[in-house]
Amino acid sequence: MAKIFYEKDASISEIVDLSVGVIGYGNQGRAQALNLRDSGIKVRIGARKNSRSYEQAVADHFAPDSIEEIATNCDLIAILLPDEAMPDVYTNSIEPYLSSGKSFVFAHGFAIHHKLLRLPDSVDILLVAPTGPGKQLRSLFTQGKGLPALVAVEQDFSGVGKQRGLAYAQAIGCTRAGCIETTFAEETVTDLYCEQAVLCGGMPELIKKSFETLVNSGYQPELAYISCLKEVKLIADLLFSIGMDGMKDAISNTAKYGAAITGPELINASTQARLEQVLQRIERGTFARDFMAESKAGHPTINNMSEQEKRSKMVRTGKALKDSLEF
């Protein structure tokens, strides 16, 4: 059973006297910075002048500093930049200004696990990874609730790294819901695998192919869209609230029988073998190397996929339906 930490296991006093810097004021960085400030933490934002992040931080009543100033003057630094942007920013604007004893917080283990950053031995390296987007983290916090998080300590120079990580998690609201102890390696692999195999890779492709099969067989694209895409939320909500067995109990007998005979036909030993290949590609670092090369080349694979999907019949059908129906 995984170890889970709650409010009683954390004390914000571990970081309340520290100067906390947030580098990266995007979806996750903005939410975390606002939550930290509302929790009484002295927060400074590192952003480039004239950037959208800088302007948003000013609009949120922060006085942004340069990234170099954050690296020099802050005791605890949360690097919340996109994974592919971290190496250059760290090398050019953080590493030359570091001194010993600082604590670094990451919301994803990718850059540390794959050694894209080479932090010194004289700092703490901590993971506080909320299990959802920044907007949800912020929304739940303002409601007095929290979003679960994964926490880990890769390097504990201070001797109180774990306490600082839990205090940070408390300050952004995550200990209200619970924080699961893990490692940078485990968080990185499971997160990438889940994105690729299920959430952002496997499920959308299954939806697209199912839609195309119906339309190619002469069925109305509007009905195919609603059946193959919109109704996914109904099942997702059931899975989230009552689990796999509860979802199966809640659906009709025709749906149960269809699931029993068709699910294993589609997702079988051959599929699992390919899923194992996906996992191995991530574990061996092949995906990370390919992704960084893709980034340096200007994201051609991502751009091509985006252009194709914009032109797809399913996307066009969905946009037309939104103009005609209330979703």
Protein backbone atom coordinates (compact mmCIF):
# COMPACT_ATOMS: atom_id res chain seq x y z
CA MET A 1 0.00 0.00 0.00
CA ALA A 2 1.37 3.39 -0.98
CA LYS A 3 2.17 5.85 1.78
CA ILE A 4 -0.18 8.85 1.73
CA PHE A 5 0.42 12.15 3.53
CA TYR A 6 -2.34 14.50 4.70
CA GLU A 7 -2.63 17.88 6.42
CA LYS A 8 -1.53 16.43 9.76
CA ASP A 9 1.72 15.18 8.21
CA ALA A 10 2.82 18.58 6.90
CA SER A 11 3.68 21.94 8.41
CA ILE A 12 3.75 25.07 6.32
CA SER A 13 6.16 26.53 8.87
CA GLU A 14 8.93 24.60 7.08
CA ILE A 15 8.82 27.09 4.19
CA VAL A 16 6.97 30.14 5.53
CA ASP A 17 10.24 31.95 6.28
CA LEU A 18 11.82 31.03 2.95
CA SER A 19 11.82 33.14 -0.18
CA VAL A 20 9.97 31.03 -2.76
CA GLY A 21 10.45 31.60 -6.48
CA VAL A 22 8.27 30.25 -9.26
CA ILE A 23 9.87 30.04 -12.69
CA GLY A 24 7.27 29.44 -15.37
CA TYR A 25 3.97 31.26 -15.03
CA GLY A 26 1.81 29.09 -17.26
CA ASN A 27 -1.13 26.84 -16.44
CA GLN A 28 0.54 25.09 -13.51
CA GLY A 29 2.89 27.87 -12.43
CA ARG A 30 0.16 30.48 -12.13
CA ALA A 31 -2.10 28.22 -10.07
CA GLN A 32 0.69 27.20 -7.72
CA ALA A 33 1.93 30.77 -7.26
CA LEU A 34 -1.56 32.06 -6.43
CA ASN A 35 -2.18 29.22 -3.99
CA LEU A 36 1.19 29.76 -2.34
CA ARG A 37 0.50 33.46 -1.91
CA ASP A 38 -2.95 32.82 -0.47
CA SER A 39 -1.30 30.45 2.02
CA GLY A 40 0.94 33.23 3.30
CA ILE A 41 4.11 32.30 1.41
CA LYS A 42 6.39 35.04 0.10
CA VAL A 43 6.29 34.30 -3.62
CA ARG A 44 8.40 35.81 -6.38
CA ILE A 45 7.81 35.14 -10.07
CA GLY A 46 10.58 34.68 -12.61
CA ALA A 47 9.54 35.63 -16.15
CA ARG A 48 10.97 37.32 -19.23
CA LYS A 49 9.84 40.90 -19.77
CA ASN A 50 7.26 41.46 -22.49
CA SER A 51 6.22 37.80 -22.40
CA ARG A 52 2.62 36.67 -21.88
CA SER A 53 3.68 35.11 -18.59
CA TYR A 54 5.15 38.41 -17.41
CA GLU A 55 1.99 40.31 -18.32
CA GLN A 56 -0.24 37.75 -16.62
CA ALA A 57 1.86 37.89 -13.46
CA VAL A 58 1.57 41.68 -13.40
CA ALA A 59 -2.20 41.37 -13.90
CA ASP A 60 -2.25 39.04 -10.88
CA HIS A 61 -0.50 41.74 -8.79
CA PHE A 62 2.95 40.18 -8.75
CA ALA A 63 6.09 42.15 -9.55
CA PRO A 64 8.01 39.68 -11.71
CA ASP A 65 11.77 39.40 -11.50
CA SER A 66 14.21 38.03 -14.01
CA ILE A 67 14.87 34.31 -13.85
CA GLU A 68 18.47 35.10 -12.93
CA GLU A 69 17.32 37.12 -9.90
CA ILE A 70 15.10 34.26 -8.75
CA ALA A 71 17.99 31.81 -9.05
CA THR A 72 20.25 34.11 -7.06
CA ASN A 73 17.94 35.22 -4.28
CA CYS A 74 15.29 32.58 -3.63
CA ASP A 75 15.70 29.74 -1.14
CA LEU A 76 13.12 27.42 -2.71
CA ILE A 77 12.69 27.46 -6.49
CA ALA A 78 9.82 25.78 -8.33
CA ILE A 79 10.73 25.17 -11.97
CA LEU A 80 7.39 24.86 -13.72
CA LEU A 81 8.47 25.32 -17.33
CA PRO A 82 7.65 22.92 -20.18
CA ASP A 83 9.96 19.90 -20.07
CA GLU A 84 11.67 20.77 -23.36
CA ALA A 85 12.35 24.36 -22.25
CA MET A 86 14.01 23.48 -18.96
CA PRO A 87 17.55 22.54 -20.13
CA ASP A 88 18.33 25.83 -21.90
CA VAL A 89 16.75 28.01 -19.21
CA TYR A 90 18.53 26.11 -16.46
CA THR A 91 21.93 26.16 -18.18
CA ASN A 92 21.82 29.83 -19.16
CA SER A 93 19.78 31.55 -16.47
CA ILE A 94 19.77 29.40 -13.33
CA GLU A 95 22.91 27.29 -12.98
CA PRO A 96 25.44 30.19 -13.12
CA TYR A 97 23.65 31.96 -10.26
CA LEU A 98 23.20 29.10 -7.81
CA SER A 99 24.55 28.78 -4.30
CA SER A 100 24.35 25.77 -2.01
CA GLY A 101 21.43 24.97 0.25
CA LYS A 102 18.57 25.77 -2.11
CA SER A 103 15.57 23.51 -2.64
CA PHE A 104 14.18 22.83 -6.11
CA VAL A 105 10.60 21.71 -6.67
CA PHE A 106 9.36 20.10 -9.88
CA ALA A 107 5.81 19.22 -10.93
CA HIS A 108 6.99 16.42 -13.23
CA GLY A 109 10.01 14.15 -12.97
CA PHE A 110 10.89 14.12 -16.67
CA ALA A 111 13.86 16.50 -16.72
CA ILE A 112 15.47 15.07 -13.58
CA HIS A 113 14.84 11.39 -14.31
CA HIS A 114 16.22 11.69 -17.85
CA LYS A 115 19.15 13.82 -16.63
CA LEU A 116 18.31 16.81 -18.82
CA LEU A 117 19.32 19.00 -15.88
CA ARG A 118 22.48 18.50 -13.83
CA LEU A 119 21.71 20.06 -10.47
CA PRO A 120 24.56 20.29 -7.97
CA ASP A 121 24.91 17.92 -5.01
CA SER A 122 24.39 20.82 -2.60
CA VAL A 123 20.65 21.34 -3.22
CA ASP A 124 17.39 19.54 -2.48
CA ILE A 125 15.56 18.05 -5.47
CA LEU A 126 11.87 17.59 -4.68
CA LEU A 127 8.78 16.49 -6.58
CA VAL A 128 5.31 17.86 -5.90
CA ALA A 129 3.18 16.76 -8.85
CA PRO A 130 -0.52 17.67 -8.69
CA THR A 131 -2.64 15.05 -10.43
CA GLY A 132 -4.51 17.50 -12.63
CA PRO A 133 -4.24 20.78 -14.53
CA GLY A 134 -3.49 24.11 -12.90
CA LYS A 135 -7.02 25.43 -13.36
CA GLN A 136 -8.38 22.52 -11.32
CA LEU A 137 -5.67 22.96 -8.68
CA ARG A 138 -6.64 26.61 -8.30
CA SER A 139 -10.40 26.06 -8.43
CA LEU A 140 -10.37 23.38 -5.75
CA PHE A 141 -8.08 25.48 -3.55
CA THR A 142 -10.44 28.46 -3.64
CA GLN A 143 -13.27 26.10 -2.62
CA GLY A 144 -11.31 24.97 0.42
CA LYS A 145 -10.55 21.62 -1.20
CA GLY A 146 -7.44 20.13 -2.74
CA LEU A 147 -6.09 18.13 -5.64
CA PRO A 148 -4.13 14.95 -4.81
CA ALA A 149 -0.43 15.04 -5.63
CA LEU A 150 2.57 12.76 -5.96
CA VAL A 151 5.58 13.65 -3.81
CA ALA A 152 9.18 12.45 -3.89
CA VAL A 153 12.66 13.36 -2.74
CA GLU A 154 15.46 12.73 -5.24
CA GLN A 155 18.16 14.52 -3.25
CA ASP A 156 18.03 15.73 0.36
CA PHE A 157 20.97 18.04 0.96
CA SER A 158 19.26 20.08 3.69
CA GLY A 159 18.15 17.04 5.68
CA VAL A 160 14.62 18.46 5.72
CA GLY A 161 13.82 18.02 2.04
CA LYS A 162 10.82 15.82 2.66
CA GLN A 163 9.37 18.26 5.17
CA ARG A 164 9.86 21.14 2.73
CA GLY A 165 8.21 19.17 -0.06
CA LEU A 166 5.20 18.35 2.10
CA ALA A 167 4.99 21.97 3.29
CA TYR A 168 4.97 23.11 -0.34
CA ALA A 169 2.26 20.54 -1.13
CA GLN A 170 0.24 21.86 1.81
CA ALA A 171 0.66 25.45 0.66
CA ILE A 172 -0.80 24.68 -2.77
CA GLY A 173 -3.64 22.67 -1.19
CA CYS A 174 -2.65 19.11 -2.09
CA THR A 175 -2.40 17.67 1.42
CA ARG A 176 -6.11 18.46 1.83
CA ALA A 177 -6.78 15.60 -0.58
CA GLY A 178 -3.69 13.46 0.08
CA CYS A 179 -0.16 13.13 -1.32
CA ILE A 180 1.15 9.75 -2.46
CA GLU A 181 4.83 9.03 -1.88
CA THR A 182 6.69 7.93 -5.02
CA THR A 183 10.01 8.46 -6.83
CA PHE A 184 10.98 10.71 -9.73
CA ALA A 185 11.47 7.62 -11.90
CA GLU A 186 8.10 6.07 -11.05
CA GLU A 187 6.18 9.32 -11.53
CA THR A 188 7.86 9.99 -14.87
CA VAL A 189 7.31 6.53 -16.34
CA THR A 190 3.73 6.09 -15.15
CA ASP A 191 2.74 9.60 -16.24
CA LEU A 192 4.20 9.26 -19.74
CA TYR A 193 2.81 5.75 -20.14
CA CYS A 194 -0.69 6.78 -19.06
CA GLU A 195 -0.68 9.76 -21.44
CA GLN A 196 0.44 7.66 -24.38
CA ALA A 197 -1.38 4.39 -23.79
CA VAL A 198 -4.71 5.68 -22.52
CA LEU A 199 -5.52 9.35 -22.04
CA CYS A 200 -3.98 11.23 -24.97
CA GLY A 201 -2.92 8.41 -27.30
CA GLY A 202 -4.93 5.23 -27.03
CA MET A 203 -8.39 6.55 -26.17
CA PRO A 204 -8.51 9.40 -28.72
CA GLU A 205 -7.34 7.06 -31.49
CA LEU A 206 -10.01 4.52 -30.56
CA ILE A 207 -12.61 7.30 -30.66
CA LYS A 208 -11.42 8.50 -34.07
CA LYS A 209 -11.35 5.03 -35.63
CA SER A 210 -14.77 4.19 -34.21
CA PHE A 211 -16.19 7.44 -35.61
CA GLU A 212 -14.65 6.77 -39.03
CA THR A 213 -16.00 3.22 -39.10
CA LEU A 214 -19.56 4.41 -38.53
CA VAL A 215 -19.34 7.27 -41.04
CA ASN A 216 -17.69 5.12 -43.69
CA SER A 217 -20.57 2.68 -43.28
CA GLY A 218 -23.12 5.37 -44.04
CA TYR A 219 -24.20 6.53 -40.58
CA GLN A 220 -24.74 10.20 -39.82
CA PRO A 221 -21.53 11.86 -38.59
CA GLU A 222 -23.49 13.79 -35.95
CA LEU A 223 -24.76 10.57 -34.37
CA ALA A 224 -21.32 8.97 -34.68
CA TYR A 225 -19.76 11.99 -32.94
CA ILE A 226 -22.20 11.93 -30.04
CA SER A 227 -21.98 8.15 -29.61
CA CYS A 228 -18.20 7.78 -29.94
CA LEU A 229 -16.97 10.99 -28.31
CA LYS A 230 -19.55 12.87 -26.25
CA GLU A 231 -20.74 9.81 -24.35
CA VAL A 232 -17.19 9.03 -23.23
CA LYS A 233 -17.68 11.59 -20.45
CA LEU A 234 -20.65 9.65 -19.06
CA ILE A 235 -18.53 6.51 -18.67
CA ALA A 236 -15.50 8.47 -17.43
CA ASP A 237 -17.61 10.06 -14.71
CA LEU A 238 -18.90 6.64 -13.63
CA LEU A 239 -15.38 5.18 -13.61
CA PHE A 240 -14.13 8.10 -11.54
CA SER A 241 -16.98 8.03 -9.01
CA ILE A 242 -17.72 4.31 -8.57
CA GLY A 243 -14.85 2.42 -10.21
CA MET A 244 -14.70 -0.18 -12.95
CA ASP A 245 -17.04 -2.65 -11.24
CA GLY A 246 -19.49 0.09 -10.30
CA MET A 247 -19.57 1.37 -13.89
CA LYS A 248 -20.35 -2.13 -15.17
CA ASP A 249 -23.17 -2.43 -12.64
CA ALA A 250 -24.62 0.92 -13.75
CA ILE A 251 -24.90 0.21 -17.48
CA SER A 252 -27.60 -1.74 -19.33
CA ASN A 253 -27.45 -5.49 -19.91
CA THR A 254 -26.98 -4.94 -23.64
CA ALA A 255 -23.97 -2.73 -22.87
CA LYS A 256 -22.61 -5.30 -20.40
CA TYR A 257 -22.93 -8.16 -22.87
CA GLY A 258 -21.45 -6.12 -25.70
CA ALA A 259 -18.55 -5.10 -23.48
CA ALA A 260 -17.95 -8.71 -22.43
CA ILE A 261 -17.64 -10.04 -25.98
CA THR A 262 -16.17 -7.03 -27.82
CA GLY A 263 -13.73 -5.53 -25.30
CA PRO A 264 -11.43 -8.58 -25.26
CA GLU A 265 -11.62 -8.80 -29.07
CA LEU A 266 -10.24 -5.29 -29.41
CA ILE A 267 -7.88 -5.21 -26.44
CA ASN A 268 -6.17 -8.58 -26.34
CA ALA A 269 -2.76 -10.22 -25.94
CA SER A 270 -1.55 -8.57 -29.15
CA THR A 271 -2.56 -5.16 -27.81
CA GLN A 272 -0.86 -5.84 -24.50
CA ALA A 273 2.34 -6.78 -26.30
CA ARG A 274 2.30 -3.38 -28.03
CA LEU A 275 1.57 -1.68 -24.71
CA GLU A 276 4.64 -3.37 -23.25
CA GLN A 277 6.68 -1.97 -26.16
CA VAL A 278 5.38 1.51 -25.34
CA LEU A 279 6.42 1.06 -21.71
CA GLN A 280 9.87 -0.20 -22.69
CA ARG A 281 10.39 2.77 -25.01
CA ILE A 282 9.69 5.08 -22.07
CA GLU A 283 11.73 3.10 -19.53
CA ARG A 284 14.79 2.93 -21.80
CA GLY A 285 14.77 6.67 -22.43
CA THR A 286 14.10 6.30 -26.16
CA PHE A 287 10.95 8.40 -25.95
CA ALA A 288 12.74 11.19 -24.05
CA ARG A 289 15.55 11.34 -26.62
CA ASP A 290 13.10 11.35 -29.52
CA PHE A 291 10.95 14.02 -27.86
CA MET A 292 13.89 16.36 -27.25
CA ALA A 293 15.00 15.90 -30.88
CA GLU A 294 11.43 16.64 -31.98
CA SER A 295 11.49 19.82 -29.89
CA LYS A 296 14.77 21.02 -31.37
CA ALA A 297 13.37 20.45 -34.86
CA GLY A 298 10.36 22.66 -34.13
CA HIS A 299 7.81 19.93 -33.28
CA PRO A 300 7.10 18.68 -36.84
CA THR A 301 5.26 15.56 -35.66
CA ILE A 302 3.03 17.52 -33.30
CA ASN A 303 2.35 20.23 -35.89
CA ASN A 304 1.47 17.68 -38.57
CA MET A 305 -0.92 15.87 -36.22
CA SER A 306 -2.59 19.14 -35.24
CA GLU A 307 -3.11 20.18 -38.86
CA GLN A 308 -4.57 16.81 -39.79
CA GLU A 309 -7.00 16.87 -36.88
CA LYS A 310 -8.16 20.41 -37.63
CA ARG A 311 -9.19 19.22 -41.08
CA SER A 312 -10.75 15.93 -39.94
CA LYS A 313 -14.45 15.24 -40.40
CA MET A 314 -14.82 14.43 -36.71
CA VAL A 315 -13.48 17.83 -35.61
CA ARG A 316 -15.60 19.66 -38.17
CA THR A 317 -18.66 17.70 -37.07
CA GLY A 318 -18.02 18.54 -33.45
CA LYS A 319 -17.72 22.27 -34.16
CA ALA A 320 -20.93 22.24 -36.19
CA LEU A 321 -22.78 20.43 -33.41
CA LYS A 322 -21.62 22.95 -30.82
CA ASP A 323 -23.21 25.68 -32.92
CA SER A 324 -26.46 23.72 -33.16
CA LEU A 325 -26.85 21.97 -29.81
CA GLU A 326 -26.22 22.91 -26.20
CA PHE A 327 -23.45 20.67 -24.85
